[in-house]
Amino acid sequence: MRRDPVRRARHAFVAALAVLALALPAVARSQETAPGETDWRDIRSVVADQRAALVAGEAERAFAHASPGIRRQFGDPVRFLAMVRSSYADLIDATDTAFVDGAVIDGHVIQPLRLTLPGGTVRVALYTMEKQPDGRWRISGCAIAPSTFRSA
């Protein structure tokens, strides 16, 4: 039995429209949340300043870069700094850092920071960023992961 080529084309067209209709909202959402170049500069500035504050032991300055949710979770700058020192020591111990291109993943703005530790071990801090109603960026989370980068 031979299939009607017009009918087959019509089915393909309807299927393509259905896929497009499903994909458009996701594309629109990602474009709404995708930071512009100025945003990425601001994000890197926030991350760099928080790290500098952590290295200097300036708890209040480091805590000021945390999102409202993180601030509620830890309550005060001293407790926040103690948590970072115990769970995120690589952020403080790194002898060299370099920003890697950020990305939007499932609607989350992620800014990677490569950390070179004493002895040459390399890790990546993956900062989750949150844009506040006033337009400022705040850090809403961080995960430290192994890296495929190697120290020179």
C-alpha atoms as a PDB file:
ATOM      1  CA  MET A   1       0.000   0.000   0.000  1.00  0.00           C
ATOM      2  CA  ARG A   2       1.373   3.345  -1.075  1.00  0.00           C
ATOM      3  CA  ARG A   3       1.171   6.391   1.241  1.00  0.00           C
ATOM      4  CA  ASP A   4      -0.190   9.679   0.015  1.00  0.00           C
ATOM      5  CA  PRO A   5       2.751  12.152  -0.197  1.00  0.00           C
ATOM      6  CA  VAL A   6       0.483  15.165   0.523  1.00  0.00           C
ATOM      7  CA  ARG A   7      -0.885  13.492   3.634  1.00  0.00           C
ATOM      8  CA  ARG A   8       2.641  12.581   4.761  1.00  0.00           C
ATOM      9  CA  ALA A   9       3.810  16.184   4.246  1.00  0.00           C
ATOM     10  CA  ARG A  10       0.806  17.504   6.175  1.00  0.00           C
ATOM     11  CA  HIS A  11       1.602  15.163   9.109  1.00  0.00           C
ATOM     12  CA  ALA A  12       5.233  16.258   9.077  1.00  0.00           C
ATOM     13  CA  PHE A  13       4.181  19.916   9.033  1.00  0.00           C
ATOM     14  CA  VAL A  14       1.776  19.436  11.977  1.00  0.00           C
ATOM     15  CA  ALA A  15       4.457  17.543  13.919  1.00  0.00           C
ATOM     16  CA  ALA A  16       6.983  20.326  13.269  1.00  0.00           C
ATOM     17  CA  LEU A  17       4.477  22.942  14.468  1.00  0.00           C
ATOM     18  CA  ALA A  18       3.844  20.937  17.634  1.00  0.00           C
ATOM     19  CA  VAL A  19       7.575  20.717  18.390  1.00  0.00           C
ATOM     20  CA  LEU A  20       7.982  24.431  17.712  1.00  0.00           C
ATOM     21  CA  ALA A  21       5.027  25.295  19.959  1.00  0.00           C
ATOM     22  CA  LEU A  22       6.565  23.272  22.780  1.00  0.00           C
ATOM     23  CA  ALA A  23      10.034  24.785  22.299  1.00  0.00           C
ATOM     24  CA  LEU A  24       9.055  28.474  22.044  1.00  0.00           C
ATOM     25  CA  PRO A  25       8.183  28.983  25.724  1.00  0.00           C
ATOM     26  CA  ALA A  26      11.536  27.504  26.773  1.00  0.00           C
ATOM     27  CA  VAL A  27      13.386  29.726  24.291  1.00  0.00           C
ATOM     28  CA  ALA A  28      11.483  32.778  25.495  1.00  0.00           C
ATOM     29  CA  ARG A  29      12.245  31.919  29.155  1.00  0.00           C
ATOM     30  CA  SER A  30      15.945  31.444  28.475  1.00  0.00           C
ATOM     31  CA  GLN A  31      16.128  34.769  26.630  1.00  0.00           C
ATOM     32  CA  GLU A  32      14.338  36.515  29.518  1.00  0.00           C
ATOM     33  CA  THR A  33      16.803  35.133  32.063  1.00  0.00           C
ATOM     34  CA  ALA A  34      19.962  35.298  29.953  1.00  0.00           C
ATOM     35  CA  PRO A  35      22.242  37.972  31.402  1.00  0.00           C
ATOM     36  CA  GLY A  36      23.714  40.572  29.089  1.00  0.00           C
ATOM     37  CA  GLU A  37      27.400  41.511  28.987  1.00  0.00           C
ATOM     38  CA  THR A  38      26.935  44.166  31.698  1.00  0.00           C
ATOM     39  CA  ASP A  39      25.233  41.561  33.903  1.00  0.00           C
ATOM     40  CA  TRP A  40      28.132  39.122  33.465  1.00  0.00           C
ATOM     41  CA  ARG A  41      30.585  41.891  34.414  1.00  0.00           C
ATOM     42  CA  ASP A  42      28.516  42.668  37.515  1.00  0.00           C
ATOM     43  CA  ILE A  43      28.274  38.974  38.405  1.00  0.00           C
ATOM     44  CA  ARG A  44      32.060  38.503  38.152  1.00  0.00           C
ATOM     45  CA  SER A  45      32.542  41.618  40.277  1.00  0.00           C
ATOM     46  CA  VAL A  46      30.254  40.266  43.018  1.00  0.00           C
ATOM     47  CA  VAL A  47      31.995  36.875  43.032  1.00  0.00           C
ATOM     48  CA  ALA A  48      35.481  38.436  43.040  1.00  0.00           C
ATOM     49  CA  ASP A  49      34.629  40.847  45.841  1.00  0.00           C
ATOM     50  CA  GLN A  50      33.070  38.139  47.989  1.00  0.00           C
ATOM     51  CA  ARG A  51      36.123  35.928  47.520  1.00  0.00           C
ATOM     52  CA  ALA A  52      38.458  38.836  48.396  1.00  0.00           C
ATOM     53  CA  ALA A  53      36.387  39.437  51.545  1.00  0.00           C
ATOM     54  CA  LEU A  54      36.557  35.747  52.476  1.00  0.00           C
ATOM     55  CA  VAL A  55      40.335  35.671  52.031  1.00  0.00           C
ATOM     56  CA  ALA A  56      40.645  38.839  54.155  1.00  0.00           C
ATOM     57  CA  GLY A  57      38.326  37.412  56.821  1.00  0.00           C
ATOM     58  CA  GLU A  58      35.837  40.259  56.321  1.00  0.00           C
ATOM     59  CA  ALA A  59      32.653  38.434  57.271  1.00  0.00           C
ATOM     60  CA  GLU A  60      30.237  41.367  56.870  1.00  0.00           C
ATOM     61  CA  ARG A  61      31.521  42.262  53.409  1.00  0.00           C
ATOM     62  CA  ALA A  62      31.355  38.618  52.256  1.00  0.00           C
ATOM     63  CA  PHE A  63      27.873  38.179  53.738  1.00  0.00           C
ATOM     64  CA  ALA A  64      26.616  41.298  51.945  1.00  0.00           C
ATOM     65  CA  HIS A  65      27.023  39.469  48.598  1.00  0.00           C
ATOM     66  CA  ALA A  66      24.785  36.576  49.666  1.00  0.00           C
ATOM     67  CA  SER A  67      21.174  36.357  48.471  1.00  0.00           C
ATOM     68  CA  PRO A  68      18.373  37.025  50.943  1.00  0.00           C
ATOM     69  CA  GLY A  69      17.729  33.270  51.217  1.00  0.00           C
ATOM     70  CA  ILE A  70      21.341  32.545  52.170  1.00  0.00           C
ATOM     71  CA  ARG A  71      21.327  35.464  54.611  1.00  0.00           C
ATOM     72  CA  ARG A  72      18.188  34.064  56.307  1.00  0.00           C
ATOM     73  CA  GLN A  73      19.688  30.578  56.397  1.00  0.00           C
ATOM     74  CA  PHE A  74      22.860  31.656  58.230  1.00  0.00           C
ATOM     75  CA  GLY A  75      21.502  34.631  60.126  1.00  0.00           C
ATOM     76  CA  ASP A  76      24.708  36.561  60.629  1.00  0.00           C
ATOM     77  CA  PRO A  77      28.083  37.203  58.969  1.00  0.00           C
ATOM     78  CA  VAL A  78      30.176  35.372  61.587  1.00  0.00           C
ATOM     79  CA  ARG A  79      28.200  32.133  61.201  1.00  0.00           C
ATOM     80  CA  PHE A  80      28.376  32.495  57.396  1.00  0.00           C
ATOM     81  CA  LEU A  81      32.173  32.931  57.435  1.00  0.00           C
ATOM     82  CA  ALA A  82      32.566  29.928  59.758  1.00  0.00           C
ATOM     83  CA  MET A  83      30.522  27.797  57.321  1.00  0.00           C
ATOM     84  CA  VAL A  84      32.637  28.919  54.357  1.00  0.00           C
ATOM     85  CA  ARG A  85      35.873  28.188  56.234  1.00  0.00           C
ATOM     86  CA  SER A  86      34.720  24.674  57.145  1.00  0.00           C
ATOM     87  CA  SER A  87      32.902  23.651  53.943  1.00  0.00           C
ATOM     88  CA  TYR A  88      34.407  25.833  51.191  1.00  0.00           C
ATOM     89  CA  ALA A  89      38.039  26.194  52.236  1.00  0.00           C
ATOM     90  CA  ASP A  90      39.163  25.876  48.596  1.00  0.00           C
ATOM     91  CA  LEU A  91      37.698  29.349  47.958  1.00  0.00           C
ATOM     92  CA  ILE A  92      40.030  30.806  50.571  1.00  0.00           C
ATOM     93  CA  ASP A  93      43.053  28.571  49.945  1.00  0.00           C
ATOM     94  CA  ALA A  94      43.280  29.038  46.168  1.00  0.00           C
ATOM     95  CA  THR A  95      46.553  30.602  45.057  1.00  0.00           C
ATOM     96  CA  ASP A  96      45.146  31.583  41.664  1.00  0.00           C
ATOM     97  CA  THR A  97      41.661  32.070  40.227  1.00  0.00           C
ATOM     98  CA  ALA A  98      40.226  32.642  36.774  1.00  0.00           C
ATOM     99  CA  PHE A  99      36.684  33.174  35.603  1.00  0.00           C
ATOM    100  CA  VAL A 100      35.273  30.752  33.054  1.00  0.00           C
ATOM    101  CA  ASP A 101      32.384  31.766  30.777  1.00  0.00           C
ATOM    102  CA  GLY A 102      29.095  31.720  32.646  1.00  0.00           C
ATOM    103  CA  ALA A 103      25.926  30.031  31.457  1.00  0.00           C
ATOM    104  CA  VAL A 104      22.204  29.788  32.076  1.00  0.00           C
ATOM    105  CA  ILE A 105      21.299  26.190  32.889  1.00  0.00           C
ATOM    106  CA  ASP A 106      17.644  25.286  33.445  1.00  0.00           C
ATOM    107  CA  GLY A 107      16.935  28.939  34.168  1.00  0.00           C
ATOM    108  CA  HIS A 108      19.758  29.228  36.731  1.00  0.00           C
ATOM    109  CA  VAL A 109      22.557  31.714  36.143  1.00  0.00           C
ATOM    110  CA  ILE A 110      25.865  29.933  36.816  1.00  0.00           C
ATOM    111  CA  GLN A 111      29.255  31.666  37.047  1.00  0.00           C
ATOM    112  CA  PRO A 112      32.221  29.263  37.205  1.00  0.00           C
ATOM    113  CA  LEU A 113      35.461  30.294  38.896  1.00  0.00           C
ATOM    114  CA  ARG A 114      38.550  28.126  38.367  1.00  0.00           C
ATOM    115  CA  LEU A 115      40.535  27.675  41.580  1.00  0.00           C
ATOM    116  CA  THR A 116      44.171  26.591  41.563  1.00  0.00           C
ATOM    117  CA  LEU A 117      45.098  25.206  44.957  1.00  0.00           C
ATOM    118  CA  PRO A 118      48.533  24.834  46.528  1.00  0.00           C
ATOM    119  CA  GLY A 119      50.195  21.800  44.956  1.00  0.00           C
ATOM    120  CA  GLY A 120      48.532  22.430  41.587  1.00  0.00           C
ATOM    121  CA  THR A 121      45.144  20.807  42.147  1.00  0.00           C
ATOM    122  CA  VAL A 122      42.440  22.603  40.174  1.00  0.00           C
ATOM    123  CA  ARG A 123      38.797  22.836  41.159  1.00  0.00           C
ATOM    124  CA  VAL A 124      35.863  24.852  39.841  1.00  0.00           C
ATOM    125  CA  ALA A 125      33.523  26.847  42.069  1.00  0.00           C
ATOM    126  CA  LEU A 126      30.098  26.989  40.424  1.00  0.00           C
ATOM    127  CA  TYR A 127      28.266  30.044  41.720  1.00  0.00           C
ATOM    128  CA  THR A 128      24.506  30.238  41.341  1.00  0.00           C
ATOM    129  CA  MET A 129      23.503  33.867  40.961  1.00  0.00           C
ATOM    130  CA  GLU A 130      20.206  35.606  41.654  1.00  0.00           C
ATOM    131  CA  LYS A 131      19.191  38.995  40.306  1.00  0.00           C
ATOM    132  CA  GLN A 132      17.416  41.000  42.998  1.00  0.00           C
ATOM    133  CA  PRO A 133      14.403  43.284  42.412  1.00  0.00           C
ATOM    134  CA  ASP A 134      16.753  46.292  42.687  1.00  0.00           C
ATOM    135  CA  GLY A 135      18.841  44.892  39.792  1.00  0.00           C
ATOM    136  CA  ARG A 136      21.819  43.803  41.897  1.00  0.00           C
ATOM    137  CA  TRP A 137      23.247  40.307  41.618  1.00  0.00           C
ATOM    138  CA  ARG A 138      23.655  38.163  44.732  1.00  0.00           C
ATOM    139  CA  ILE A 139      25.148  34.720  45.299  1.00  0.00           C
ATOM    140  CA  SER A 140      22.468  32.142  46.089  1.00  0.00           C
ATOM    141  CA  GLY A 141      24.684  29.076  46.167  1.00  0.00           C
ATOM    142  CA  CYS A 142      28.072  27.606  45.397  1.00  0.00           C
ATOM    143  CA  ALA A 143      29.304  24.120  44.642  1.00  0.00           C
ATOM    144  CA  ILE A 144      32.930  23.147  44.295  1.00  0.00           C
ATOM    145  CA  ALA A 145      33.672  20.439  41.767  1.00  0.00           C
ATOM    146  CA  PRO A 146      36.726  18.692  40.352  1.00  0.00           C
ATOM    147  CA  SER A 147      38.044  20.228  37.161  1.00  0.00           C
ATOM    148  CA  THR A 148      39.336  18.939  33.882  1.00  0.00           C
ATOM    149  CA  PHE A 149      41.782  21.881  33.871  1.00  0.00           C
ATOM    150  CA  ARG A 150      45.361  21.182  34.850  1.00  0.00           C
ATOM    151  CA  SER A 151      47.782  23.521  36.558  1.00  0.00           C
ATOM    152  CA  ALA A 152      50.810  24.523  34.494  1.00  0.00           C
END
